[in-house]
Amino acid sequence: MPRTSLLAAALAVSVCLANASAVSAASSSPTRISMGATHASMSAEPSLLQRPQTLVTSKQKAVIKIRTLLTTFFTDQQLSKILDKLAEDIYANKPFKESFATLITPNILTASQAANLANLGLPLTKALAVLSRRFEPYYLSISKKILAMKSSGRTKADCFDQVYVMAAGYLIKVRIKPVLTDIKSSLTSKEWQTVRTRGAALFLWSGYGL
């Protein structure tokens, strides 16, 4: 074969090899990018999983604090209704004594709960008197804040949320213990035994050494 033919054949082979190499590089490159993207996606997954799935509302925080620090007598749903009633009363600028007297309505209690409260009799009346006296100043403080919010044009939802926030803020151990101690002091020895036995879930006495 003439030298020119050999040279032409060699050049043709070289071109073919070069083209094949380019095609191979092009086809492998997306794979590397895809793998890199997959790795980045996998790396991002744990941080996504660590994000909180749901937010705890102000009212839920108040319910949790009531059940943790004050009473387990009521269910979460009942406490939610009581807090809504409190917020509604404060928003409507209802006097404290009127609100306090109707805060826990019979229709939200079960028959068993109503019977337990009725069995407490006079000791419960004395306990409620202490609670009323102790809570009134804070009720008035919340009312002042809510009325100011209403005057500034804040929405009803904002005002309700602020009630829940302030109610939760009120519920701390150093504030609750003197109230429960005051209730105990207002009772005779026999009345205290009745409350301590029949109303064990009504207030978390043992959490305060009572």
N, C-alpha and C. Protein backbone atom coordinates (compact mmCIF):
# COMPACT_ATOMS: atom_id res chain seq x y z
N MET A 1 0.87 -1.19 0.00
CA MET A 1 0.00 0.00 0.00
C MET A 1 0.90 1.24 0.00
N PRO A 2 0.57 2.23 -0.80
CA PRO A 2 1.40 3.45 -0.85
C PRO A 2 1.43 4.15 0.50
N ARG A 3 2.50 4.91 0.73
CA ARG A 3 2.67 5.61 2.01
C ARG A 3 1.55 6.59 2.25
N THR A 4 1.05 7.24 1.20
CA THR A 4 -0.03 8.21 1.39
C THR A 4 -1.29 7.53 1.90
N SER A 5 -1.53 6.31 1.41
CA SER A 5 -2.72 5.57 1.86
C SER A 5 -2.57 5.17 3.31
N LEU A 6 -1.35 4.75 3.68
CA LEU A 6 -1.11 4.38 5.08
C LEU A 6 -1.29 5.60 6.00
N LEU A 7 -0.81 6.74 5.54
CA LEU A 7 -0.92 7.96 6.34
C LEU A 7 -2.39 8.36 6.51
N ALA A 8 -3.14 8.24 5.41
CA ALA A 8 -4.56 8.59 5.47
C ALA A 8 -5.31 7.67 6.42
N ALA A 9 -4.97 6.38 6.37
CA ALA A 9 -5.62 5.41 7.26
C ALA A 9 -5.31 5.71 8.72
N ALA A 10 -4.05 6.08 9.00
CA ALA A 10 -3.65 6.39 10.37
C ALA A 10 -4.39 7.62 10.90
N LEU A 11 -4.54 8.62 10.03
CA LEU A 11 -5.27 9.82 10.44
C LEU A 11 -6.74 9.51 10.73
N ALA A 12 -7.32 8.65 9.89
CA ALA A 12 -8.72 8.28 10.07
C ALA A 12 -8.94 7.57 11.40
N VAL A 13 -8.01 6.65 11.73
CA VAL A 13 -8.10 5.91 13.00
C VAL A 13 -7.97 6.88 14.18
N SER A 14 -7.04 7.85 14.05
CA SER A 14 -6.84 8.83 15.12
C SER A 14 -8.10 9.65 15.36
N VAL A 15 -8.75 10.08 14.28
CA VAL A 15 -9.97 10.87 14.40
C VAL A 15 -11.06 10.06 15.08
N CYS A 16 -11.20 8.79 14.66
CA CYS A 16 -12.22 7.91 15.26
C CYS A 16 -12.00 7.74 16.76
N LEU A 17 -10.73 7.54 17.14
CA LEU A 17 -10.42 7.36 18.56
C LEU A 17 -10.71 8.64 19.36
N ALA A 18 -10.38 9.79 18.75
CA ALA A 18 -10.63 11.07 19.42
C ALA A 18 -12.12 11.29 19.64
N ASN A 19 -12.92 10.98 18.57
CA ASN A 19 -14.37 11.13 18.68
C ASN A 19 -14.95 10.21 19.75
N ALA A 20 -14.46 8.99 19.77
CA ALA A 20 -14.95 8.02 20.75
C ALA A 20 -14.64 8.47 22.16
N SER A 21 -13.46 9.06 22.36
CA SER A 21 -13.06 9.54 23.68
C SER A 21 -13.95 10.69 24.12
N ALA A 22 -14.30 11.60 23.18
CA ALA A 22 -15.15 12.74 23.50
C ALA A 22 -16.54 12.29 23.89
N VAL A 23 -17.08 11.32 23.12
CA VAL A 23 -18.41 10.80 23.43
C VAL A 23 -18.44 10.14 24.78
N SER A 24 -17.37 9.38 25.09
CA SER A 24 -17.29 8.70 26.39
C SER A 24 -17.24 9.71 27.53
N ALA A 25 -16.48 10.77 27.35
CA ALA A 25 -16.38 11.80 28.41
C ALA A 25 -17.69 12.51 28.62
N ALA A 26 -18.38 12.79 27.47
CA ALA A 26 -19.66 13.50 27.57
C ALA A 26 -20.70 12.66 28.27
N SER A 27 -20.70 11.35 27.98
CA SER A 27 -21.70 10.48 28.59
C SER A 27 -21.43 10.23 30.05
N SER A 28 -20.16 10.24 30.46
CA SER A 28 -19.83 10.00 31.87
C SER A 28 -19.98 11.24 32.72
N SER A 29 -19.84 12.42 32.13
CA SER A 29 -19.91 13.66 32.88
C SER A 29 -21.25 13.87 33.57
N PRO A 30 -22.42 13.67 32.87
CA PRO A 30 -23.70 13.83 33.57
C PRO A 30 -23.83 12.90 34.74
N THR A 31 -23.26 11.71 34.61
CA THR A 31 -23.34 10.74 35.71
C THR A 31 -22.66 11.29 36.95
N ARG A 32 -21.48 11.92 36.74
CA ARG A 32 -20.77 12.48 37.88
C ARG A 32 -21.56 13.63 38.50
N ILE A 33 -22.16 14.45 37.64
CA ILE A 33 -22.96 15.57 38.15
C ILE A 33 -24.17 15.06 38.89
N SER A 34 -24.81 14.04 38.32
CA SER A 34 -26.00 13.47 38.95
C SER A 34 -25.66 12.88 40.30
N MET A 35 -24.52 12.18 40.37
CA MET A 35 -24.11 11.59 41.64
C MET A 35 -23.80 12.68 42.65
N GLY A 36 -23.18 13.76 42.18
CA GLY A 36 -22.87 14.87 43.09
C GLY A 36 -24.13 15.50 43.62
N ALA A 37 -25.12 15.68 42.71
CA ALA A 37 -26.39 16.26 43.13
C ALA A 37 -27.12 15.36 44.10
N THR A 38 -27.06 14.05 43.82
CA THR A 38 -27.69 13.09 44.71
C THR A 38 -27.06 13.12 46.08
N HIS A 39 -25.71 13.21 46.10
CA HIS A 39 -25.00 13.27 47.37
C HIS A 39 -25.39 14.51 48.15
N ALA A 40 -25.49 15.65 47.41
CA ALA A 40 -25.88 16.91 48.08
C ALA A 40 -27.29 16.79 48.63
N SER A 41 -28.18 16.14 47.85
CA SER A 41 -29.56 15.97 48.31
C SER A 41 -29.62 15.10 49.54
N MET A 42 -28.83 14.00 49.52
CA MET A 42 -28.80 13.10 50.68
C MET A 42 -28.22 13.81 51.89
N SER A 43 -27.21 14.66 51.65
CA SER A 43 -26.61 15.38 52.76
C SER A 43 -27.59 16.37 53.37
N ALA A 44 -28.50 16.90 52.51
CA ALA A 44 -29.44 17.89 53.01
C ALA A 44 -30.59 17.25 53.78
N GLU A 45 -30.86 15.98 53.52
CA GLU A 45 -32.02 15.33 54.12
C GLU A 45 -32.02 15.36 55.64
N PRO A 46 -30.90 15.05 56.32
CA PRO A 46 -30.95 15.06 57.79
C PRO A 46 -31.37 16.41 58.36
N SER A 47 -30.89 17.52 57.77
CA SER A 47 -31.26 18.82 58.30
C SER A 47 -32.74 19.08 58.11
N LEU A 48 -33.30 18.56 57.00
CA LEU A 48 -34.73 18.72 56.78
C LEU A 48 -35.52 17.92 57.81
N LEU A 49 -35.04 16.72 58.11
CA LEU A 49 -35.73 15.88 59.08
C LEU A 49 -35.66 16.45 60.48
N GLN A 50 -34.63 17.25 60.75
CA GLN A 50 -34.46 17.80 62.08
C GLN A 50 -35.37 19.01 62.33
N ARG A 51 -35.98 19.53 61.26
CA ARG A 51 -36.86 20.67 61.44
C ARG A 51 -38.11 20.26 62.21
N PRO A 52 -38.63 21.11 63.09
CA PRO A 52 -39.86 20.76 63.82
C PRO A 52 -41.02 20.57 62.86
N GLN A 53 -41.77 19.51 63.07
CA GLN A 53 -42.88 19.20 62.19
C GLN A 53 -44.09 20.10 62.48
N THR A 54 -44.31 20.40 63.75
CA THR A 54 -45.44 21.26 64.11
C THR A 54 -45.00 22.27 65.16
N LEU A 55 -45.64 23.41 65.16
CA LEU A 55 -45.34 24.45 66.13
C LEU A 55 -46.34 24.36 67.28
N VAL A 56 -45.85 24.55 68.49
CA VAL A 56 -46.72 24.56 69.66
C VAL A 56 -47.30 25.96 69.80
N THR A 57 -48.63 26.06 69.82
CA THR A 57 -49.27 27.37 69.91
C THR A 57 -49.19 27.91 71.34
N SER A 58 -49.49 29.19 71.48
CA SER A 58 -49.48 29.81 72.80
C SER A 58 -50.49 29.15 73.72
N LYS A 59 -51.65 28.79 73.18
CA LYS A 59 -52.67 28.15 74.01
C LYS A 59 -52.22 26.76 74.45
N GLN A 60 -51.57 26.02 73.54
CA GLN A 60 -51.06 24.70 73.91
C GLN A 60 -49.99 24.80 74.99
N LYS A 61 -49.15 25.82 74.92
CA LYS A 61 -48.14 26.03 75.95
C LYS A 61 -48.80 26.29 77.30
N ALA A 62 -49.88 27.07 77.29
CA ALA A 62 -50.60 27.36 78.53
C ALA A 62 -51.23 26.09 79.09
N VAL A 63 -51.82 25.28 78.23
CA VAL A 63 -52.42 24.01 78.65
C VAL A 63 -51.36 23.09 79.27
N ILE A 64 -50.22 23.00 78.62
CA ILE A 64 -49.13 22.15 79.13
C ILE A 64 -48.68 22.61 80.51
N LYS A 65 -48.54 23.92 80.70
CA LYS A 65 -48.10 24.45 81.99
C LYS A 65 -49.15 24.21 83.07
N ILE A 66 -50.43 24.34 82.72
CA ILE A 66 -51.49 24.08 83.71
C ILE A 66 -51.44 22.64 84.16
N ARG A 67 -51.30 21.72 83.22
CA ARG A 67 -51.31 20.29 83.55
C ARG A 67 -50.02 19.86 84.24
N THR A 68 -48.94 20.57 83.98
CA THR A 68 -47.64 20.22 84.58
C THR A 68 -47.47 20.82 85.97
N LEU A 69 -47.99 22.04 86.17
CA LEU A 69 -47.71 22.76 87.41
C LEU A 69 -48.91 22.94 88.34
N LEU A 70 -50.13 22.79 87.83
CA LEU A 70 -51.27 23.13 88.66
C LEU A 70 -52.28 22.01 88.87
N THR A 71 -52.81 21.43 87.79
CA THR A 71 -53.88 20.43 87.93
C THR A 71 -53.90 19.44 86.78
N THR A 72 -54.26 18.21 87.08
CA THR A 72 -54.49 17.20 86.04
C THR A 72 -55.96 16.77 86.06
N PHE A 73 -56.78 17.55 86.73
CA PHE A 73 -58.20 17.21 86.87
C PHE A 73 -58.93 17.34 85.54
N PHE A 74 -58.51 18.33 84.72
CA PHE A 74 -59.18 18.59 83.45
C PHE A 74 -58.39 18.00 82.29
N THR A 75 -59.11 17.68 81.21
CA THR A 75 -58.45 17.20 80.00
C THR A 75 -57.90 18.40 79.23
N ASP A 76 -57.06 18.12 78.24
CA ASP A 76 -56.52 19.19 77.40
C ASP A 76 -57.65 19.95 76.71
N GLN A 77 -58.65 19.21 76.22
CA GLN A 77 -59.77 19.85 75.52
C GLN A 77 -60.57 20.76 76.45
N GLN A 78 -60.76 20.31 77.69
CA GLN A 78 -61.49 21.13 78.66
C GLN A 78 -60.71 22.39 79.00
N LEU A 79 -59.41 22.24 79.19
CA LEU A 79 -58.57 23.41 79.49
C LEU A 79 -58.56 24.39 78.32
N SER A 80 -58.58 23.87 77.11
CA SER A 80 -58.63 24.72 75.93
C SER A 80 -59.91 25.57 75.94
N LYS A 81 -61.03 24.95 76.29
CA LYS A 81 -62.30 25.68 76.36
C LYS A 81 -62.29 26.71 77.48
N ILE A 82 -61.69 26.35 78.62
CA ILE A 82 -61.61 27.29 79.74
C ILE A 82 -60.76 28.50 79.37
N LEU A 83 -59.64 28.26 78.68
CA LEU A 83 -58.79 29.37 78.26
C LEU A 83 -59.50 30.25 77.22
N ASP A 84 -60.26 29.62 76.34
CA ASP A 84 -61.02 30.40 75.35
C ASP A 84 -62.06 31.28 76.05
N LYS A 85 -62.70 30.71 77.07
CA LYS A 85 -63.70 31.47 77.84
C LYS A 85 -63.03 32.64 78.55
N LEU A 86 -61.86 32.39 79.13
CA LEU A 86 -61.11 33.46 79.79
C LEU A 86 -60.77 34.57 78.81
N ALA A 87 -60.27 34.18 77.63
CA ALA A 87 -59.89 35.16 76.62
C ALA A 87 -61.10 35.96 76.16
N GLU A 88 -62.22 35.27 75.96
CA GLU A 88 -63.44 35.94 75.52
C GLU A 88 -63.93 36.95 76.56
N ASP A 89 -63.89 36.55 77.84
CA ASP A 89 -64.33 37.44 78.92
C ASP A 89 -63.46 38.68 79.02
N ILE A 90 -62.14 38.47 78.93
CA ILE A 90 -61.21 39.59 79.03
C ILE A 90 -61.37 40.52 77.83
N TYR A 91 -61.52 39.94 76.66
CA TYR A 91 -61.69 40.74 75.44
C TYR A 91 -62.97 41.58 75.52
N ALA A 92 -64.02 41.01 76.15
CA ALA A 92 -65.30 41.72 76.29
C ALA A 92 -65.31 42.64 77.49
N ASN A 93 -64.15 42.73 78.19
CA ASN A 93 -64.02 43.60 79.38
C ASN A 93 -65.01 43.22 80.47
N LYS A 94 -65.20 41.92 80.63
CA LYS A 94 -66.12 41.43 81.66
C LYS A 94 -65.47 41.56 83.03
N PRO A 95 -66.22 42.00 84.04
CA PRO A 95 -65.66 42.12 85.41
C PRO A 95 -65.13 40.77 85.89
N PHE A 96 -64.09 40.84 86.70
CA PHE A 96 -63.44 39.61 87.14
C PHE A 96 -64.39 38.65 87.85
N LYS A 97 -65.14 39.12 88.81
CA LYS A 97 -65.98 38.23 89.60
C LYS A 97 -67.01 37.51 88.73
N GLU A 98 -67.54 38.22 87.75
CA GLU A 98 -68.50 37.61 86.84
C GLU A 98 -67.82 36.53 85.99
N SER A 99 -66.62 36.83 85.52
CA SER A 99 -65.88 35.87 84.70
C SER A 99 -65.49 34.64 85.52
N PHE A 100 -64.95 34.88 86.72
CA PHE A 100 -64.47 33.79 87.56
C PHE A 100 -65.61 32.83 87.93
N ALA A 101 -66.79 33.38 88.17
CA ALA A 101 -67.93 32.56 88.59
C ALA A 101 -68.44 31.66 87.48
N THR A 102 -68.14 32.03 86.23
CA THR A 102 -68.66 31.25 85.10
C THR A 102 -67.56 30.64 84.23
N LEU A 103 -66.34 30.69 84.73
CA LEU A 103 -65.20 30.22 83.94
C LEU A 103 -65.28 28.72 83.66
N ILE A 104 -65.68 27.96 84.68
CA ILE A 104 -65.85 26.50 84.50
C ILE A 104 -67.34 26.22 84.54
N THR A 105 -67.91 26.04 83.39
CA THR A 105 -69.35 25.79 83.29
C THR A 105 -69.64 24.30 83.37
N PRO A 106 -70.79 23.92 83.93
CA PRO A 106 -71.13 22.50 84.08
C PRO A 106 -71.12 21.71 82.77
N ASN A 107 -71.41 22.38 81.66
CA ASN A 107 -71.51 21.65 80.39
C ASN A 107 -70.17 21.15 79.86
N ILE A 108 -69.04 21.65 80.40
CA ILE A 108 -67.75 21.15 79.93
C ILE A 108 -67.24 20.01 80.80
N LEU A 109 -67.92 19.73 81.93
CA LEU A 109 -67.48 18.68 82.84
C LEU A 109 -68.17 17.36 82.54
N THR A 110 -67.46 16.27 82.82
CA THR A 110 -68.10 14.97 82.75
C THR A 110 -68.91 14.76 84.02
N ALA A 111 -69.80 13.76 84.00
CA ALA A 111 -70.61 13.48 85.19
C ALA A 111 -69.72 13.13 86.37
N SER A 112 -68.65 12.40 86.12
CA SER A 112 -67.72 12.00 87.19
C SER A 112 -67.02 13.22 87.79
N GLN A 113 -66.58 14.14 86.93
CA GLN A 113 -65.90 15.34 87.42
C GLN A 113 -66.86 16.20 88.25
N ALA A 114 -68.08 16.35 87.76
CA ALA A 114 -69.07 17.15 88.49
C ALA A 114 -69.35 16.56 89.86
N ALA A 115 -69.43 15.22 89.93
CA ALA A 115 -69.69 14.54 91.20
C ALA A 115 -68.52 14.74 92.16
N ASN A 116 -67.30 14.65 91.63
CA ASN A 116 -66.11 14.83 92.48
C ASN A 116 -66.06 16.23 93.08
N LEU A 117 -66.40 17.23 92.27
CA LEU A 117 -66.40 18.61 92.77
C LEU A 117 -67.50 18.81 93.81
N ALA A 118 -68.66 18.22 93.55
CA ALA A 118 -69.78 18.35 94.49
C ALA A 118 -69.44 17.71 95.83
N ASN A 119 -68.70 16.62 95.81
CA ASN A 119 -68.33 15.91 97.04
C ASN A 119 -67.36 16.70 97.90
N LEU A 120 -66.67 17.67 97.29
CA LEU A 120 -65.71 18.47 98.06
C LEU A 120 -66.41 19.52 98.93
N GLY A 121 -67.61 19.93 98.53
CA GLY A 121 -68.43 20.81 99.36
C GLY A 121 -67.75 22.10 99.80
N LEU A 122 -67.86 22.39 101.10
CA LEU A 122 -67.35 23.65 101.66
C LEU A 122 -65.85 23.84 101.43
N PRO A 123 -65.01 22.80 101.58
CA PRO A 123 -63.58 23.00 101.32
C PRO A 123 -63.30 23.54 99.92
N LEU A 124 -64.08 23.09 98.93
CA LEU A 124 -63.90 23.61 97.57
C LEU A 124 -64.28 25.07 97.50
N THR A 125 -65.36 25.45 98.18
CA THR A 125 -65.79 26.85 98.21
C THR A 125 -64.69 27.74 98.79
N LYS A 126 -64.05 27.26 99.86
CA LYS A 126 -62.95 28.02 100.47
C LYS A 126 -61.75 28.10 99.53
N ALA A 127 -61.47 27.01 98.86
CA ALA A 127 -60.33 26.99 97.92
C ALA A 127 -60.56 27.97 96.77
N LEU A 128 -61.78 27.99 96.26
CA LEU A 128 -62.11 28.91 95.17
C LEU A 128 -62.03 30.37 95.61
N ALA A 129 -62.37 30.63 96.87
CA ALA A 129 -62.27 32.00 97.39
C ALA A 129 -60.82 32.47 97.40
N VAL A 130 -59.93 31.56 97.77
CA VAL A 130 -58.49 31.89 97.76
C VAL A 130 -58.02 32.13 96.33
N LEU A 131 -58.41 31.24 95.42
CA LEU A 131 -58.01 31.40 94.03
C LEU A 131 -58.51 32.72 93.45
N SER A 132 -59.75 33.07 93.78
CA SER A 132 -60.33 34.32 93.29
C SER A 132 -59.52 35.53 93.78
N ARG A 133 -59.21 35.52 95.05
CA ARG A 133 -58.46 36.64 95.64
C ARG A 133 -57.06 36.75 95.05
N ARG A 134 -56.45 35.60 94.82
CA ARG A 134 -55.08 35.58 94.32
C ARG A 134 -54.99 35.93 92.83
N PHE A 135 -55.97 35.49 92.07
CA PHE A 135 -55.89 35.64 90.62
C PHE A 135 -56.42 36.98 90.12
N GLU A 136 -57.27 37.63 90.91
CA GLU A 136 -57.89 38.88 90.44
C GLU A 136 -56.89 39.94 89.98
N PRO A 137 -55.82 40.21 90.75
CA PRO A 137 -54.87 41.24 90.28
C PRO A 137 -54.27 40.91 88.92
N TYR A 138 -54.01 39.64 88.69
CA TYR A 138 -53.41 39.27 87.41
C TYR A 138 -54.43 39.36 86.28
N TYR A 139 -55.67 39.02 86.58
CA TYR A 139 -56.76 39.17 85.59
C TYR A 139 -56.86 40.62 85.15
N LEU A 140 -56.78 41.52 86.12
CA LEU A 140 -56.88 42.95 85.81
C LEU A 140 -55.67 43.41 84.99
N SER A 141 -54.52 42.83 85.27
CA SER A 141 -53.32 43.17 84.51
C SER A 141 -53.45 42.72 83.06
N ILE A 142 -53.96 41.50 82.86
CA ILE A 142 -54.17 41.01 81.50
C ILE A 142 -55.20 41.88 80.79
N SER A 143 -56.28 42.21 81.48
CA SER A 143 -57.34 43.03 80.89
C SER A 143 -56.80 44.38 80.41
N LYS A 144 -55.97 44.99 81.21
CA LYS A 144 -55.38 46.28 80.84
C LYS A 144 -54.59 46.16 79.54
N LYS A 145 -53.81 45.08 79.43
CA LYS A 145 -53.01 44.85 78.23
C LYS A 145 -53.90 44.62 77.02
N ILE A 146 -54.92 43.81 77.17
CA ILE A 146 -55.81 43.47 76.05
C ILE A 146 -56.60 44.70 75.59
N LEU A 147 -57.10 45.48 76.52
CA LEU A 147 -57.85 46.68 76.15
C LEU A 147 -56.97 47.67 75.39
N ALA A 148 -55.72 47.76 75.77
CA ALA A 148 -54.77 48.62 75.06
C ALA A 148 -54.54 48.10 73.64
N MET A 149 -54.46 46.78 73.50
CA MET A 149 -54.28 46.19 72.18
C MET A 149 -55.50 46.45 71.29
N LYS A 150 -56.69 46.32 71.88
CA LYS A 150 -57.92 46.59 71.11
C LYS A 150 -57.96 48.04 70.65
N SER A 151 -57.59 48.94 71.53
CA SER A 151 -57.61 50.37 71.20
C SER A 151 -56.63 50.71 70.08
N SER A 152 -55.55 49.93 69.99
CA SER A 152 -54.54 50.19 68.96
C SER A 152 -54.88 49.51 67.63
N GLY A 153 -56.02 48.80 67.60
CA GLY A 153 -56.45 48.18 66.36
C GLY A 153 -55.99 46.75 66.13
N ARG A 154 -55.45 46.12 67.17
CA ARG A 154 -55.02 44.72 67.01
C ARG A 154 -56.24 43.82 66.86
N THR A 155 -56.06 42.73 66.15
CA THR A 155 -57.17 41.82 65.88
C THR A 155 -57.58 41.04 67.12
N LYS A 156 -58.78 40.49 67.06
CA LYS A 156 -59.26 39.67 68.17
C LYS A 156 -58.36 38.45 68.37
N ALA A 157 -57.92 37.87 67.27
CA ALA A 157 -57.03 36.70 67.35
C ALA A 157 -55.73 37.05 68.06
N ASP A 158 -55.18 38.23 67.77
CA ASP A 158 -53.95 38.69 68.43
C ASP A 158 -54.20 38.86 69.94
N CYS A 159 -55.35 39.43 70.27
CA CYS A 159 -55.68 39.65 71.68
C CYS A 159 -55.83 38.33 72.43
N PHE A 160 -56.52 37.38 71.80
CA PHE A 160 -56.68 36.05 72.43
C PHE A 160 -55.32 35.40 72.64
N ASP A 161 -54.46 35.49 71.63
CA ASP A 161 -53.14 34.87 71.74
C ASP A 161 -52.35 35.49 72.88
N GLN A 162 -52.50 36.79 73.07
CA GLN A 162 -51.79 37.47 74.17
C GLN A 162 -52.31 37.01 75.52
N VAL A 163 -53.61 36.72 75.62
CA VAL A 163 -54.16 36.18 76.86
C VAL A 163 -53.50 34.84 77.18
N TYR A 164 -53.36 33.99 76.17
CA TYR A 164 -52.74 32.68 76.39
C TYR A 164 -51.28 32.84 76.81
N VAL A 165 -50.59 33.78 76.17
CA VAL A 165 -49.18 34.02 76.50
C VAL A 165 -49.04 34.48 77.95
N MET A 166 -49.89 35.41 78.37
CA MET A 166 -49.80 35.96 79.72
C MET A 166 -50.26 34.94 80.77
N ALA A 167 -51.25 34.12 80.41
CA ALA A 167 -51.69 33.08 81.33
C ALA A 167 -50.57 32.07 81.57
N ALA A 168 -49.88 31.70 80.50
CA ALA A 168 -48.75 30.77 80.63
C ALA A 168 -47.63 31.40 81.44
N GLY A 169 -47.41 32.70 81.24
CA GLY A 169 -46.38 33.40 81.99
C GLY A 169 -46.67 33.48 83.48
N TYR A 170 -47.95 33.52 83.81
CA TYR A 170 -48.35 33.58 85.22
C TYR A 170 -48.06 32.27 85.94
N LEU A 171 -48.11 31.17 85.19
CA LEU A 171 -47.99 29.84 85.80
C LEU A 171 -46.54 29.41 85.96
N ILE A 172 -45.96 29.82 87.07
CA ILE A 172 -44.62 29.38 87.45
C ILE A 172 -44.68 28.91 88.90
N LYS A 173 -43.79 28.02 89.25
CA LYS A 173 -43.84 27.38 90.58
C LYS A 173 -43.80 28.37 91.73
N VAL A 174 -42.94 29.38 91.62
CA VAL A 174 -42.79 30.32 92.73
C VAL A 174 -44.05 31.15 92.95
N ARG A 175 -44.92 31.20 91.95
CA ARG A 175 -46.17 31.93 92.09
C ARG A 175 -47.31 31.01 92.52
N ILE A 176 -47.23 29.75 92.11
CA ILE A 176 -48.30 28.80 92.42
C ILE A 176 -48.22 28.28 93.85
N LYS A 177 -47.00 28.03 94.34
CA LYS A 177 -46.86 27.45 95.68
C LYS A 177 -47.52 28.29 96.77
N PRO A 178 -47.34 29.62 96.80
CA PRO A 178 -48.00 30.41 97.84
C PRO A 178 -49.53 30.32 97.76
N VAL A 179 -50.06 30.17 96.54
CA VAL A 179 -51.52 30.05 96.39
C VAL A 179 -52.00 28.75 97.01
N LEU A 180 -51.33 27.64 96.69
CA LEU A 180 -51.74 26.35 97.24
C LEU A 180 -51.53 26.30 98.75
N THR A 181 -50.46 26.93 99.22
CA THR A 181 -50.21 27.00 100.66
C THR A 181 -51.30 27.80 101.35
N ASP A 182 -51.74 28.86 100.69
CA ASP A 182 -52.82 29.71 101.21
C ASP A 182 -54.14 28.91 101.28
N ILE A 183 -54.38 28.09 100.27
CA ILE A 183 -55.59 27.26 100.27
C ILE A 183 -55.56 26.29 101.46
N LYS A 184 -54.44 25.65 101.67
CA LYS A 184 -54.31 24.72 102.79
C LYS A 184 -54.54 25.44 104.12
N SER A 185 -53.98 26.63 104.24
CA SER A 185 -54.12 27.39 105.49
C SER A 185 -55.55 27.82 105.75
N SER A 186 -56.34 27.96 104.68
CA SER A 186 -57.72 28.41 104.84
C SER A 186 -58.66 27.29 105.30
N LEU A 187 -58.16 26.05 105.32
CA LEU A 187 -58.98 24.89 105.65
C LEU A 187 -58.69 24.37 107.05
N THR A 188 -59.69 23.78 107.65
CA THR A 188 -59.46 23.07 108.92
C THR A 188 -58.71 21.78 108.60
N SER A 189 -58.22 21.14 109.66
CA SER A 189 -57.47 19.90 109.45
C SER A 189 -58.33 18.84 108.75
N LYS A 190 -59.59 18.74 109.15
CA LYS A 190 -60.50 17.76 108.54
C LYS A 190 -60.80 18.13 107.09
N GLU A 191 -61.01 19.42 106.83
CA GLU A 191 -61.28 19.87 105.46
C GLU A 191 -60.07 19.62 104.56
N TRP A 192 -58.89 19.86 105.11
CA TRP A 192 -57.67 19.63 104.34
C TRP A 192 -57.53 18.16 103.96
N GLN A 193 -57.83 17.28 104.88
CA GLN A 193 -57.77 15.85 104.58
C GLN A 193 -58.77 15.46 103.49
N THR A 194 -59.93 16.09 103.54
CA THR A 194 -60.94 15.83 102.51
C THR A 194 -60.44 16.27 101.14
N VAL A 195 -59.90 17.47 101.08
CA VAL A 195 -59.39 18.01 99.81
C VAL A 195 -58.19 17.19 99.33
N ARG A 196 -57.32 16.84 100.26
CA ARG A 196 -56.10 16.10 99.89
C ARG A 196 -56.43 14.71 99.37
N THR A 197 -57.50 14.12 99.92
CA THR A 197 -57.88 12.76 99.51
C THR A 197 -58.76 12.76 98.27
N ARG A 198 -59.84 13.53 98.33
CA ARG A 198 -60.81 13.52 97.22
C ARG A 198 -60.40 14.43 96.06
N GLY A 199 -59.57 15.40 96.36
CA GLY A 199 -59.17 16.34 95.30
C GLY A 199 -57.70 16.24 94.95
N ALA A 200 -57.18 15.02 94.99
CA ALA A 200 -55.75 14.82 94.72
C ALA A 200 -55.36 15.28 93.32
N ALA A 201 -56.29 15.12 92.35
CA ALA A 201 -55.99 15.53 90.98
C ALA A 201 -56.36 16.98 90.72
N LEU A 202 -57.14 17.55 91.66
CA LEU A 202 -57.59 18.92 91.45
C LEU A 202 -56.43 19.90 91.50
N PHE A 203 -55.53 19.68 92.44
CA PHE A 203 -54.30 20.46 92.51
C PHE A 203 -53.13 19.52 92.73
N LEU A 204 -51.98 19.86 92.15
CA LEU A 204 -50.80 19.00 92.27
C LEU A 204 -50.06 19.32 93.57
N TRP A 205 -50.70 18.99 94.69
CA TRP A 205 -50.16 19.32 96.01
C TRP A 205 -48.75 18.78 96.23
N SER A 206 -48.55 17.51 95.87
CA SER A 206 -47.27 16.87 96.16
C SER A 206 -46.10 17.52 95.46
N GLY A 207 -46.37 18.19 94.34
CA GLY A 207 -45.30 18.87 93.62
C GLY A 207 -44.76 20.08 94.36
N TYR A 208 -45.48 20.46 95.43
CA TYR A 208 -45.06 21.63 96.22
C TYR A 208 -44.87 21.26 97.69
N GLY A 209 -44.73 19.96 97.94
CA GLY A 209 -44.47 19.49 99.30
C GLY A 209 -45.64 19.63 100.24
N LEU A 210 -46.88 19.65 99.71
CA LEU A 210 -48.06 19.82 100.54
C LEU A 210 -48.83 18.52 100.67
